[in-house]
Amino acid sequence: MPKLTRAAAAAVLGVSEAASESEVKKAYHKLALLHHPDKASEEDKETAGASLRRRNRARTRAADRARPAPTLQTKSSRRLAPRTSA
């Protein structure tokens, strides 16, 4: 699968690139209700499933902007400062 850019993800969901996480979530849920495989006819279930998976990837990618970047915590960064005697 090709990598999905934020611009492409926003286009799939029908929101702007600068959309907030709540706007992305609303757009995803609205589209998921319309195109859910359980609501599709028997011959369209596979297409609807692929469409829903594509929208799920788009939602994840579009919402990445709002999430903080993961930080790498090493043992040395978790150590407490040395104690000083008073």
PDB file of N, CA and C in Angstrom:
ATOM      1  N   MET A   1       0.819  -1.179   0.000  1.00  0.00           N
ATOM      2  CA  MET A   1       0.000   0.000   0.000  1.00  0.00           C
ATOM      3  C   MET A   1       0.867   1.248   0.000  1.00  0.00           C
ATOM      4  N   PRO A   2       0.544   2.211  -0.859  1.00  0.00           N
ATOM      5  CA  PRO A   2       1.331   3.441  -0.876  1.00  0.00           C
ATOM      6  C   PRO A   2       1.065   4.254   0.390  1.00  0.00           C
ATOM      7  N   LYS A   3       2.071   5.033   0.766  1.00  0.00           N
ATOM      8  CA  LYS A   3       1.940   5.852   1.966  1.00  0.00           C
ATOM      9  C   LYS A   3       0.916   6.956   1.723  1.00  0.00           C
ATOM     10  N   LEU A   4       0.083   7.175   2.685  1.00  0.00           N
ATOM     11  CA  LEU A   4      -0.979   8.162   2.593  1.00  0.00           C
ATOM     12  C   LEU A   4      -0.499   9.477   3.205  1.00  0.00           C
ATOM     13  N   THR A   5      -0.543  10.549   2.431  1.00  0.00           N
ATOM     14  CA  THR A   5      -0.140  11.854   2.953  1.00  0.00           C
ATOM     15  C   THR A   5      -1.301  12.483   3.709  1.00  0.00           C
ATOM     16  N   ARG A   6      -1.005  13.487   4.510  1.00  0.00           N
ATOM     17  CA  ARG A   6      -2.078  14.159   5.252  1.00  0.00           C
ATOM     18  C   ARG A   6      -3.071  14.821   4.308  1.00  0.00           C
ATOM     19  N   ALA A   7      -2.558  15.393   3.218  1.00  0.00           N
ATOM     20  CA  ALA A   7      -3.443  16.048   2.244  1.00  0.00           C
ATOM     21  C   ALA A   7      -4.384  15.030   1.604  1.00  0.00           C
ATOM     22  N   ALA A   8      -3.850  13.862   1.238  1.00  0.00           N
ATOM     23  CA  ALA A   8      -4.681  12.818   0.643  1.00  0.00           C
ATOM     24  C   ALA A   8      -5.679  12.277   1.665  1.00  0.00           C
ATOM     25  N   ALA A   9      -5.242  12.134   2.905  1.00  0.00           N
ATOM     26  CA  ALA A   9      -6.130  11.641   3.964  1.00  0.00           C
ATOM     27  C   ALA A   9      -7.271  12.616   4.195  1.00  0.00           C
ATOM     28  N   ALA A  10      -6.956  13.899   4.206  1.00  0.00           N
ATOM     29  CA  ALA A  10      -7.993  14.916   4.395  1.00  0.00           C
ATOM     30  C   ALA A  10      -8.979  14.893   3.229  1.00  0.00           C
ATOM     31  N   ALA A  11      -8.472  14.689   2.014  1.00  0.00           N
ATOM     32  CA  ALA A  11      -9.342  14.629   0.842  1.00  0.00           C
ATOM     33  C   ALA A  11     -10.281  13.423   0.907  1.00  0.00           C
ATOM     34  N   VAL A  12      -9.770  12.278   1.363  1.00  0.00           N
ATOM     35  CA  VAL A  12     -10.604  11.073   1.490  1.00  0.00           C
ATOM     36  C   VAL A  12     -11.749  11.328   2.459  1.00  0.00           C
ATOM     37  N   LEU A  13     -11.463  12.038   3.542  1.00  0.00           N
ATOM     38  CA  LEU A  13     -12.479  12.299   4.559  1.00  0.00           C
ATOM     39  C   LEU A  13     -13.330  13.527   4.265  1.00  0.00           C
ATOM     40  N   GLY A  14     -12.887  14.346   3.324  1.00  0.00           N
ATOM     41  CA  GLY A  14     -13.654  15.540   2.976  1.00  0.00           C
ATOM     42  C   GLY A  14     -13.486  16.678   3.968  1.00  0.00           C
ATOM     43  N   VAL A  15     -12.318  16.760   4.605  1.00  0.00           N
ATOM     44  CA  VAL A  15     -12.025  17.849   5.540  1.00  0.00           C
ATOM     45  C   VAL A  15     -10.776  18.587   5.059  1.00  0.00           C
ATOM     46  N   SER A  16     -10.529  19.743   5.646  1.00  0.00           N
ATOM     47  CA  SER A  16      -9.326  20.482   5.283  1.00  0.00           C
ATOM     48  C   SER A  16      -8.114  19.865   5.970  1.00  0.00           C
ATOM     49  N   GLU A  17      -6.930  20.165   5.452  1.00  0.00           N
ATOM     50  CA  GLU A  17      -5.700  19.648   6.057  1.00  0.00           C
ATOM     51  C   GLU A  17      -5.519  20.155   7.479  1.00  0.00           C
ATOM     52  N   ALA A  18      -6.056  21.326   7.766  1.00  0.00           N
ATOM     53  CA  ALA A  18      -5.907  21.936   9.082  1.00  0.00           C
ATOM     54  C   ALA A  18      -7.043  21.560  10.034  1.00  0.00           C
ATOM     55  N   ALA A  19      -7.838  20.574   9.673  1.00  0.00           N
ATOM     56  CA  ALA A  19      -8.981  20.171  10.496  1.00  0.00           C
ATOM     57  C   ALA A  19      -8.511  19.646  11.852  1.00  0.00           C
ATOM     58  N   SER A  20      -9.304  19.939  12.865  1.00  0.00           N
ATOM     59  CA  SER A  20      -8.969  19.459  14.210  1.00  0.00           C
ATOM     60  C   SER A  20      -9.287  17.968  14.310  1.00  0.00           C
ATOM     61  N   GLU A  21      -8.816  17.362  15.385  1.00  0.00           N
ATOM     62  CA  GLU A  21      -9.053  15.934  15.571  1.00  0.00           C
ATOM     63  C   GLU A  21     -10.543  15.632  15.697  1.00  0.00           C
ATOM     64  N   SER A  22     -11.295  16.524  16.323  1.00  0.00           N
ATOM     65  CA  SER A  22     -12.738  16.288  16.461  1.00  0.00           C
ATOM     66  C   SER A  22     -13.444  16.398  15.101  1.00  0.00           C
ATOM     67  N   GLU A  23     -12.994  17.302  14.230  1.00  0.00           N
ATOM     68  CA  GLU A  23     -13.577  17.412  12.889  1.00  0.00           C
ATOM     69  C   GLU A  23     -13.271  16.165  12.068  1.00  0.00           C
ATOM     70  N   VAL A  24     -12.057  15.653  12.192  1.00  0.00           N
ATOM     71  CA  VAL A  24     -11.671  14.432  11.494  1.00  0.00           C
ATOM     72  C   VAL A  24     -12.526  13.271  11.985  1.00  0.00           C
ATOM     73  N   LYS A  25     -12.715  13.183  13.283  1.00  0.00           N
ATOM     74  CA  LYS A  25     -13.503  12.108  13.875  1.00  0.00           C
ATOM     75  C   LYS A  25     -14.957  12.160  13.399  1.00  0.00           C
ATOM     76  N   LYS A  26     -15.530  13.363  13.367  1.00  0.00           N
ATOM     77  CA  LYS A  26     -16.922  13.517  12.906  1.00  0.00           C
ATOM     78  C   LYS A  26     -17.062  13.090  11.448  1.00  0.00           C
ATOM     79  N   ALA A  27     -16.121  13.531  10.614  1.00  0.00           N
ATOM     80  CA  ALA A  27     -16.182  13.189   9.195  1.00  0.00           C
ATOM     81  C   ALA A  27     -16.055  11.682   9.002  1.00  0.00           C
ATOM     82  N   TYR A  28     -15.147  11.056   9.739  1.00  0.00           N
ATOM     83  CA  TYR A  28     -14.959   9.607   9.631  1.00  0.00           C
ATOM     84  C   TYR A  28     -16.239   8.873  10.033  1.00  0.00           C
ATOM     85  N   HIS A  29     -16.823   9.233  11.152  1.00  0.00           N
ATOM     86  CA  HIS A  29     -18.027   8.543  11.622  1.00  0.00           C
ATOM     87  C   HIS A  29     -19.189   8.712  10.653  1.00  0.00           C
ATOM     88  N   LYS A  30     -19.308   9.897  10.097  1.00  0.00           N
ATOM     89  CA  LYS A  30     -20.377  10.147   9.126  1.00  0.00           C
ATOM     90  C   LYS A  30     -20.215   9.247   7.902  1.00  0.00           C
ATOM     91  N   LEU A  31     -18.979   9.166   7.386  1.00  0.00           N
ATOM     92  CA  LEU A  31     -18.728   8.317   6.225  1.00  0.00           C
ATOM     93  C   LEU A  31     -18.823   6.833   6.567  1.00  0.00           C
ATOM     94  N   ALA A  32     -18.403   6.462   7.766  1.00  0.00           N
ATOM     95  CA  ALA A  32     -18.474   5.059   8.180  1.00  0.00           C
ATOM     96  C   ALA A  32     -19.921   4.583   8.246  1.00  0.00           C
ATOM     97  N   LEU A  33     -20.806   5.445   8.710  1.00  0.00           N
ATOM     98  CA  LEU A  33     -22.224   5.071   8.765  1.00  0.00           C
ATOM     99  C   LEU A  33     -22.807   4.902   7.363  1.00  0.00           C
ATOM    100  N   LEU A  34     -22.388   5.757   6.440  1.00  0.00           N
ATOM    101  CA  LEU A  34     -22.909   5.680   5.080  1.00  0.00           C
ATOM    102  C   LEU A  34     -22.383   4.475   4.310  1.00  0.00           C
ATOM    103  N   HIS A  35     -21.126   4.118   4.524  1.00  0.00           N
ATOM    104  CA  HIS A  35     -20.474   3.105   3.698  1.00  0.00           C
ATOM    105  C   HIS A  35     -20.059   1.853   4.468  1.00  0.00           C
ATOM    106  N   HIS A  36     -20.724   1.540   5.552  1.00  0.00           N
ATOM    107  CA  HIS A  36     -20.354   0.378   6.355  1.00  0.00           C
ATOM    108  C   HIS A  36     -20.694  -0.913   5.617  1.00  0.00           C
ATOM    109  N   PRO A  37     -19.812  -1.918   5.666  1.00  0.00           N
ATOM    110  CA  PRO A  37     -20.066  -3.183   4.954  1.00  0.00           C
ATOM    111  C   PRO A  37     -21.343  -3.896   5.401  1.00  0.00           C
ATOM    112  N   ASP A  38     -21.735  -3.754   6.649  1.00  0.00           N
ATOM    113  CA  ASP A  38     -22.948  -4.422   7.130  1.00  0.00           C
ATOM    114  C   ASP A  38     -24.214  -3.823   6.511  1.00  0.00           C
ATOM    115  N   LYS A  39     -24.124  -2.596   6.030  1.00  0.00           N
ATOM    116  CA  LYS A  39     -25.283  -1.941   5.427  1.00  0.00           C
ATOM    117  C   LYS A  39     -25.299  -2.094   3.907  1.00  0.00           C
ATOM    118  N   ALA A  40     -24.240  -2.645   3.347  1.00  0.00           N
ATOM    119  CA  ALA A  40     -24.145  -2.806   1.893  1.00  0.00           C
ATOM    120  C   ALA A  40     -24.836  -4.087   1.449  1.00  0.00           C
ATOM    121  N   SER A  41     -25.194  -4.133   0.171  1.00  0.00           N
ATOM    122  CA  SER A  41     -25.788  -5.350  -0.380  1.00  0.00           C
ATOM    123  C   SER A  41     -24.703  -6.426  -0.466  1.00  0.00           C
ATOM    124  N   GLU A  42     -25.101  -7.656  -0.664  1.00  0.00           N
ATOM    125  CA  GLU A  42     -24.158  -8.778  -0.678  1.00  0.00           C
ATOM    126  C   GLU A  42     -23.053  -8.593  -1.712  1.00  0.00           C
ATOM    127  N   GLU A  43     -23.400  -8.097  -2.891  1.00  0.00           N
ATOM    128  CA  GLU A  43     -22.390  -7.955  -3.936  1.00  0.00           C
ATOM    129  C   GLU A  43     -21.460  -6.763  -3.706  1.00  0.00           C
ATOM    130  N   ASP A  44     -21.848  -5.836  -2.844  1.00  0.00           N
ATOM    131  CA  ASP A  44     -21.021  -4.652  -2.575  1.00  0.00           C
ATOM    132  C   ASP A  44     -20.252  -4.722  -1.260  1.00  0.00           C
ATOM    133  N   LYS A  45     -20.375  -5.819  -0.516  1.00  0.00           N
ATOM    134  CA  LYS A  45     -19.729  -5.909   0.798  1.00  0.00           C
ATOM    135  C   LYS A  45     -18.208  -5.792   0.720  1.00  0.00           C
ATOM    136  N   GLU A  46     -17.582  -6.444  -0.254  1.00  0.00           N
ATOM    137  CA  GLU A  46     -16.126  -6.396  -0.359  1.00  0.00           C
ATOM    138  C   GLU A  46     -15.641  -4.990  -0.688  1.00  0.00           C
ATOM    139  N   THR A  47     -16.329  -4.327  -1.601  1.00  0.00           N
ATOM    140  CA  THR A  47     -15.976  -2.950  -1.966  1.00  0.00           C
ATOM    141  C   THR A  47     -16.176  -2.014  -0.781  1.00  0.00           C
ATOM    142  N   ALA A  48     -17.264  -2.200  -0.055  1.00  0.00           N
ATOM    143  CA  ALA A  48     -17.537  -1.352   1.107  1.00  0.00           C
ATOM    144  C   ALA A  48     -16.496  -1.591   2.203  1.00  0.00           C
ATOM    145  N   GLY A  49     -16.071  -2.829   2.376  1.00  0.00           N
ATOM    146  CA  GLY A  49     -15.043  -3.136   3.372  1.00  0.00           C
ATOM    147  C   GLY A  49     -13.723  -2.472   3.029  1.00  0.00           C
ATOM    148  N   ALA A  50     -13.329  -2.531   1.762  1.00  0.00           N
ATOM    149  CA  ALA A  50     -12.085  -1.887   1.329  1.00  0.00           C
ATOM    150  C   ALA A  50     -12.181  -0.376   1.491  1.00  0.00           C
ATOM    151  N   SER A  51     -13.338   0.171   1.190  1.00  0.00           N
ATOM    152  CA  SER A  51     -13.557   1.614   1.329  1.00  0.00           C
ATOM    153  C   SER A  51     -13.465   2.031   2.795  1.00  0.00           C
ATOM    154  N   LEU A  52     -14.032   1.233   3.674  1.00  0.00           N
ATOM    155  CA  LEU A  52     -13.982   1.546   5.100  1.00  0.00           C
ATOM    156  C   LEU A  52     -12.555   1.455   5.635  1.00  0.00           C
ATOM    157  N   ARG A  53     -11.799   0.453   5.180  1.00  0.00           N
ATOM    158  CA  ARG A  53     -10.393   0.340   5.600  1.00  0.00           C
ATOM    159  C   ARG A  53      -9.577   1.538   5.122  1.00  0.00           C
ATOM    160  N   ARG A  54      -9.833   2.007   3.894  1.00  0.00           N
ATOM    161  CA  ARG A  54      -9.131   3.180   3.363  1.00  0.00           C
ATOM    162  C   ARG A  54      -9.470   4.421   4.188  1.00  0.00           C
ATOM    163  N   ARG A  55     -10.728   4.575   4.547  1.00  0.00           N
ATOM    164  CA  ARG A  55     -11.142   5.726   5.363  1.00  0.00           C
ATOM    165  C   ARG A  55     -10.558   5.636   6.775  1.00  0.00           C
ATOM    166  N   ASN A  56     -10.418   4.427   7.299  1.00  0.00           N
ATOM    167  CA  ASN A  56      -9.824   4.248   8.621  1.00  0.00           C
ATOM    168  C   ASN A  56      -8.359   4.675   8.605  1.00  0.00           C
ATOM    169  N   ARG A  57      -7.609   4.276   7.563  1.00  0.00           N
ATOM    170  CA  ARG A  57      -6.217   4.717   7.425  1.00  0.00           C
ATOM    171  C   ARG A  57      -6.146   6.238   7.290  1.00  0.00           C
ATOM    172  N   ALA A  58      -7.082   6.800   6.533  1.00  0.00           N
ATOM    173  CA  ALA A  58      -7.109   8.252   6.334  1.00  0.00           C
ATOM    174  C   ALA A  58      -7.391   8.967   7.647  1.00  0.00           C
ATOM    175  N   ARG A  59      -8.307   8.429   8.440  1.00  0.00           N
ATOM    176  CA  ARG A  59      -8.615   9.056   9.728  1.00  0.00           C
ATOM    177  C   ARG A  59      -7.392   9.048  10.631  1.00  0.00           C
ATOM    178  N   THR A  60      -6.704   7.924  10.679  1.00  0.00           N
ATOM    179  CA  THR A  60      -5.515   7.803  11.509  1.00  0.00           C
ATOM    180  C   THR A  60      -4.448   8.796  11.065  1.00  0.00           C
ATOM    181  N   ARG A  61      -4.230   8.890   9.762  1.00  0.00           N
ATOM    182  CA  ARG A  61      -3.186   9.783   9.230  1.00  0.00           C
ATOM    183  C   ARG A  61      -3.558  11.251   9.420  1.00  0.00           C
ATOM    184  N   ALA A  62      -4.819  11.603   9.190  1.00  0.00           N
ATOM    185  CA  ALA A  62      -5.246  13.001   9.319  1.00  0.00           C
ATOM    186  C   ALA A  62      -5.213  13.454  10.774  1.00  0.00           C
ATOM    187  N   ALA A  63      -5.482  12.541  11.693  1.00  0.00           N
ATOM    188  CA  ALA A  63      -5.494  12.901  13.114  1.00  0.00           C
ATOM    189  C   ALA A  63      -4.094  12.902  13.714  1.00  0.00           C
ATOM    190  N   ASP A  64      -3.101  12.364  13.018  1.00  0.00           N
ATOM    191  CA  ASP A  64      -1.729  12.333  13.525  1.00  0.00           C
ATOM    192  C   ASP A  64      -1.198  13.719  13.840  1.00  0.00           C
ATOM    193  N   ARG A  65      -1.636  14.712  13.103  1.00  0.00           N
ATOM    194  CA  ARG A  65      -1.156  16.071  13.299  1.00  0.00           C
ATOM    195  C   ARG A  65      -1.486  16.575  14.697  1.00  0.00           C
ATOM    196  N   ALA A  66      -2.615  16.164  15.220  1.00  0.00           N
ATOM    197  CA  ALA A  66      -3.068  16.658  16.514  1.00  0.00           C
ATOM    198  C   ALA A  66      -2.436  15.919  17.689  1.00  0.00           C
ATOM    199  N   ARG A  67      -1.871  14.762  17.430  1.00  0.00           N
ATOM    200  CA  ARG A  67      -1.279  13.979  18.514  1.00  0.00           C
ATOM    201  C   ARG A  67       0.177  14.375  18.728  1.00  0.00           C
ATOM    202  N   PRO A  68       0.626  14.387  19.956  1.00  0.00           N
ATOM    203  CA  PRO A  68       2.033  14.691  20.197  1.00  0.00           C
ATOM    204  C   PRO A  68       2.921  13.547  19.715  1.00  0.00           C
ATOM    205  N   ALA A  69       4.111  13.892  19.311  1.00  0.00           N
ATOM    206  CA  ALA A  69       5.054  12.877  18.852  1.00  0.00           C
ATOM    207  C   ALA A  69       5.472  12.005  20.030  1.00  0.00           C
ATOM    208  N   PRO A  70       5.612  10.711  19.814  1.00  0.00           N
ATOM    209  CA  PRO A  70       6.040   9.846  20.916  1.00  0.00           C
ATOM    210  C   PRO A  70       7.471  10.178  21.320  1.00  0.00           C
ATOM    211  N   THR A  71       7.725  10.079  22.592  1.00  0.00           N
ATOM    212  CA  THR A  71       9.074  10.353  23.076  1.00  0.00           C
ATOM    213  C   THR A  71       9.719   9.052  23.498  1.00  0.00           C
ATOM    214  N   LEU A  72      10.998   8.981  23.319  1.00  0.00           N
ATOM    215  CA  LEU A  72      11.747   7.798  23.706  1.00  0.00           C
ATOM    216  C   LEU A  72      12.290   8.024  25.105  1.00  0.00           C
ATOM    217  N   GLN A  73      11.864   7.198  26.020  1.00  0.00           N
ATOM    218  CA  GLN A  73      12.322   7.349  27.388  1.00  0.00           C
ATOM    219  C   GLN A  73      13.322   6.242  27.692  1.00  0.00           C
ATOM    220  N   THR A  74      14.521   6.637  28.001  1.00  0.00           N
ATOM    221  CA  THR A  74      15.563   5.662  28.297  1.00  0.00           C
ATOM    222  C   THR A  74      15.761   5.570  29.802  1.00  0.00           C
ATOM    223  N   LYS A  75      16.520   4.580  30.216  1.00  0.00           N
ATOM    224  CA  LYS A  75      16.781   4.424  31.643  1.00  0.00           C
ATOM    225  C   LYS A  75      17.437   5.666  32.224  1.00  0.00           C
ATOM    226  N   SER A  76      18.378   6.239  31.498  1.00  0.00           N
ATOM    227  CA  SER A  76      19.094   7.396  32.032  1.00  0.00           C
ATOM    228  C   SER A  76      18.172   8.604  32.219  1.00  0.00           C
ATOM    229  N   SER A  77      17.143   8.742  31.393  1.00  0.00           N
ATOM    230  CA  SER A  77      16.255   9.885  31.551  1.00  0.00           C
ATOM    231  C   SER A  77      15.250   9.676  32.675  1.00  0.00           C
ATOM    232  N   ARG A  78      15.120   8.426  33.161  1.00  0.00           N
ATOM    233  CA  ARG A  78      14.190   8.147  34.251  1.00  0.00           C
ATOM    234  C   ARG A  78      14.858   8.220  35.613  1.00  0.00           C
ATOM    235  N   ARG A  79      16.158   8.305  35.644  1.00  0.00           N
ATOM    236  CA  ARG A  79      16.861   8.333  36.923  1.00  0.00           C
ATOM    237  C   ARG A  79      16.562   9.626  37.667  1.00  0.00           C
ATOM    238  N   LEU A  80      16.485   9.499  38.947  1.00  0.00           N
ATOM    239  CA  LEU A  80      16.257  10.673  39.783  1.00  0.00           C
ATOM    240  C   LEU A  80      17.562  11.407  39.992  1.00  0.00           C
ATOM    241  N   ALA A  81      17.444  12.649  40.289  1.00  0.00           N
ATOM    242  CA  ALA A  81      18.641  13.447  40.569  1.00  0.00           C
ATOM    243  C   ALA A  81      19.271  12.910  41.874  1.00  0.00           C
ATOM    244  N   PRO A  82      20.580  12.989  41.985  1.00  0.00           N
ATOM    245  CA  PRO A  82      21.209  12.469  43.201  1.00  0.00           C
ATOM    246  C   PRO A  82      20.748  13.254  44.435  1.00  0.00           C
ATOM    247  N   ARG A  83      20.598  12.540  45.513  1.00  0.00           N
ATOM    248  CA  ARG A  83      20.148  13.168  46.766  1.00  0.00           C
ATOM    249  C   ARG A  83      21.293  13.921  47.411  1.00  0.00           C
ATOM    250  N   THR A  84      20.940  15.008  48.004  1.00  0.00           N
ATOM    251  CA  THR A  84      21.938  15.783  48.739  1.00  0.00           C
ATOM    252  C   THR A  84      21.576  15.730  50.216  1.00  0.00           C
ATOM    253  N   SER A  85      22.550  15.626  51.047  1.00  0.00           N
ATOM    254  CA  SER A  85      22.267  15.577  52.495  1.00  0.00           C
ATOM    255  C   SER A  85      22.151  17.009  53.013  1.00  0.00           C
ATOM    256  N   ALA A  86      21.220  17.187  53.906  1.00  0.00           N
ATOM    257  CA  ALA A  86      20.988  18.529  54.429  1.00  0.00           C
ATOM    258  C   ALA A  86      21.693  18.777  55.724  1.00  0.00           C
TER     259      ALA A  86
END
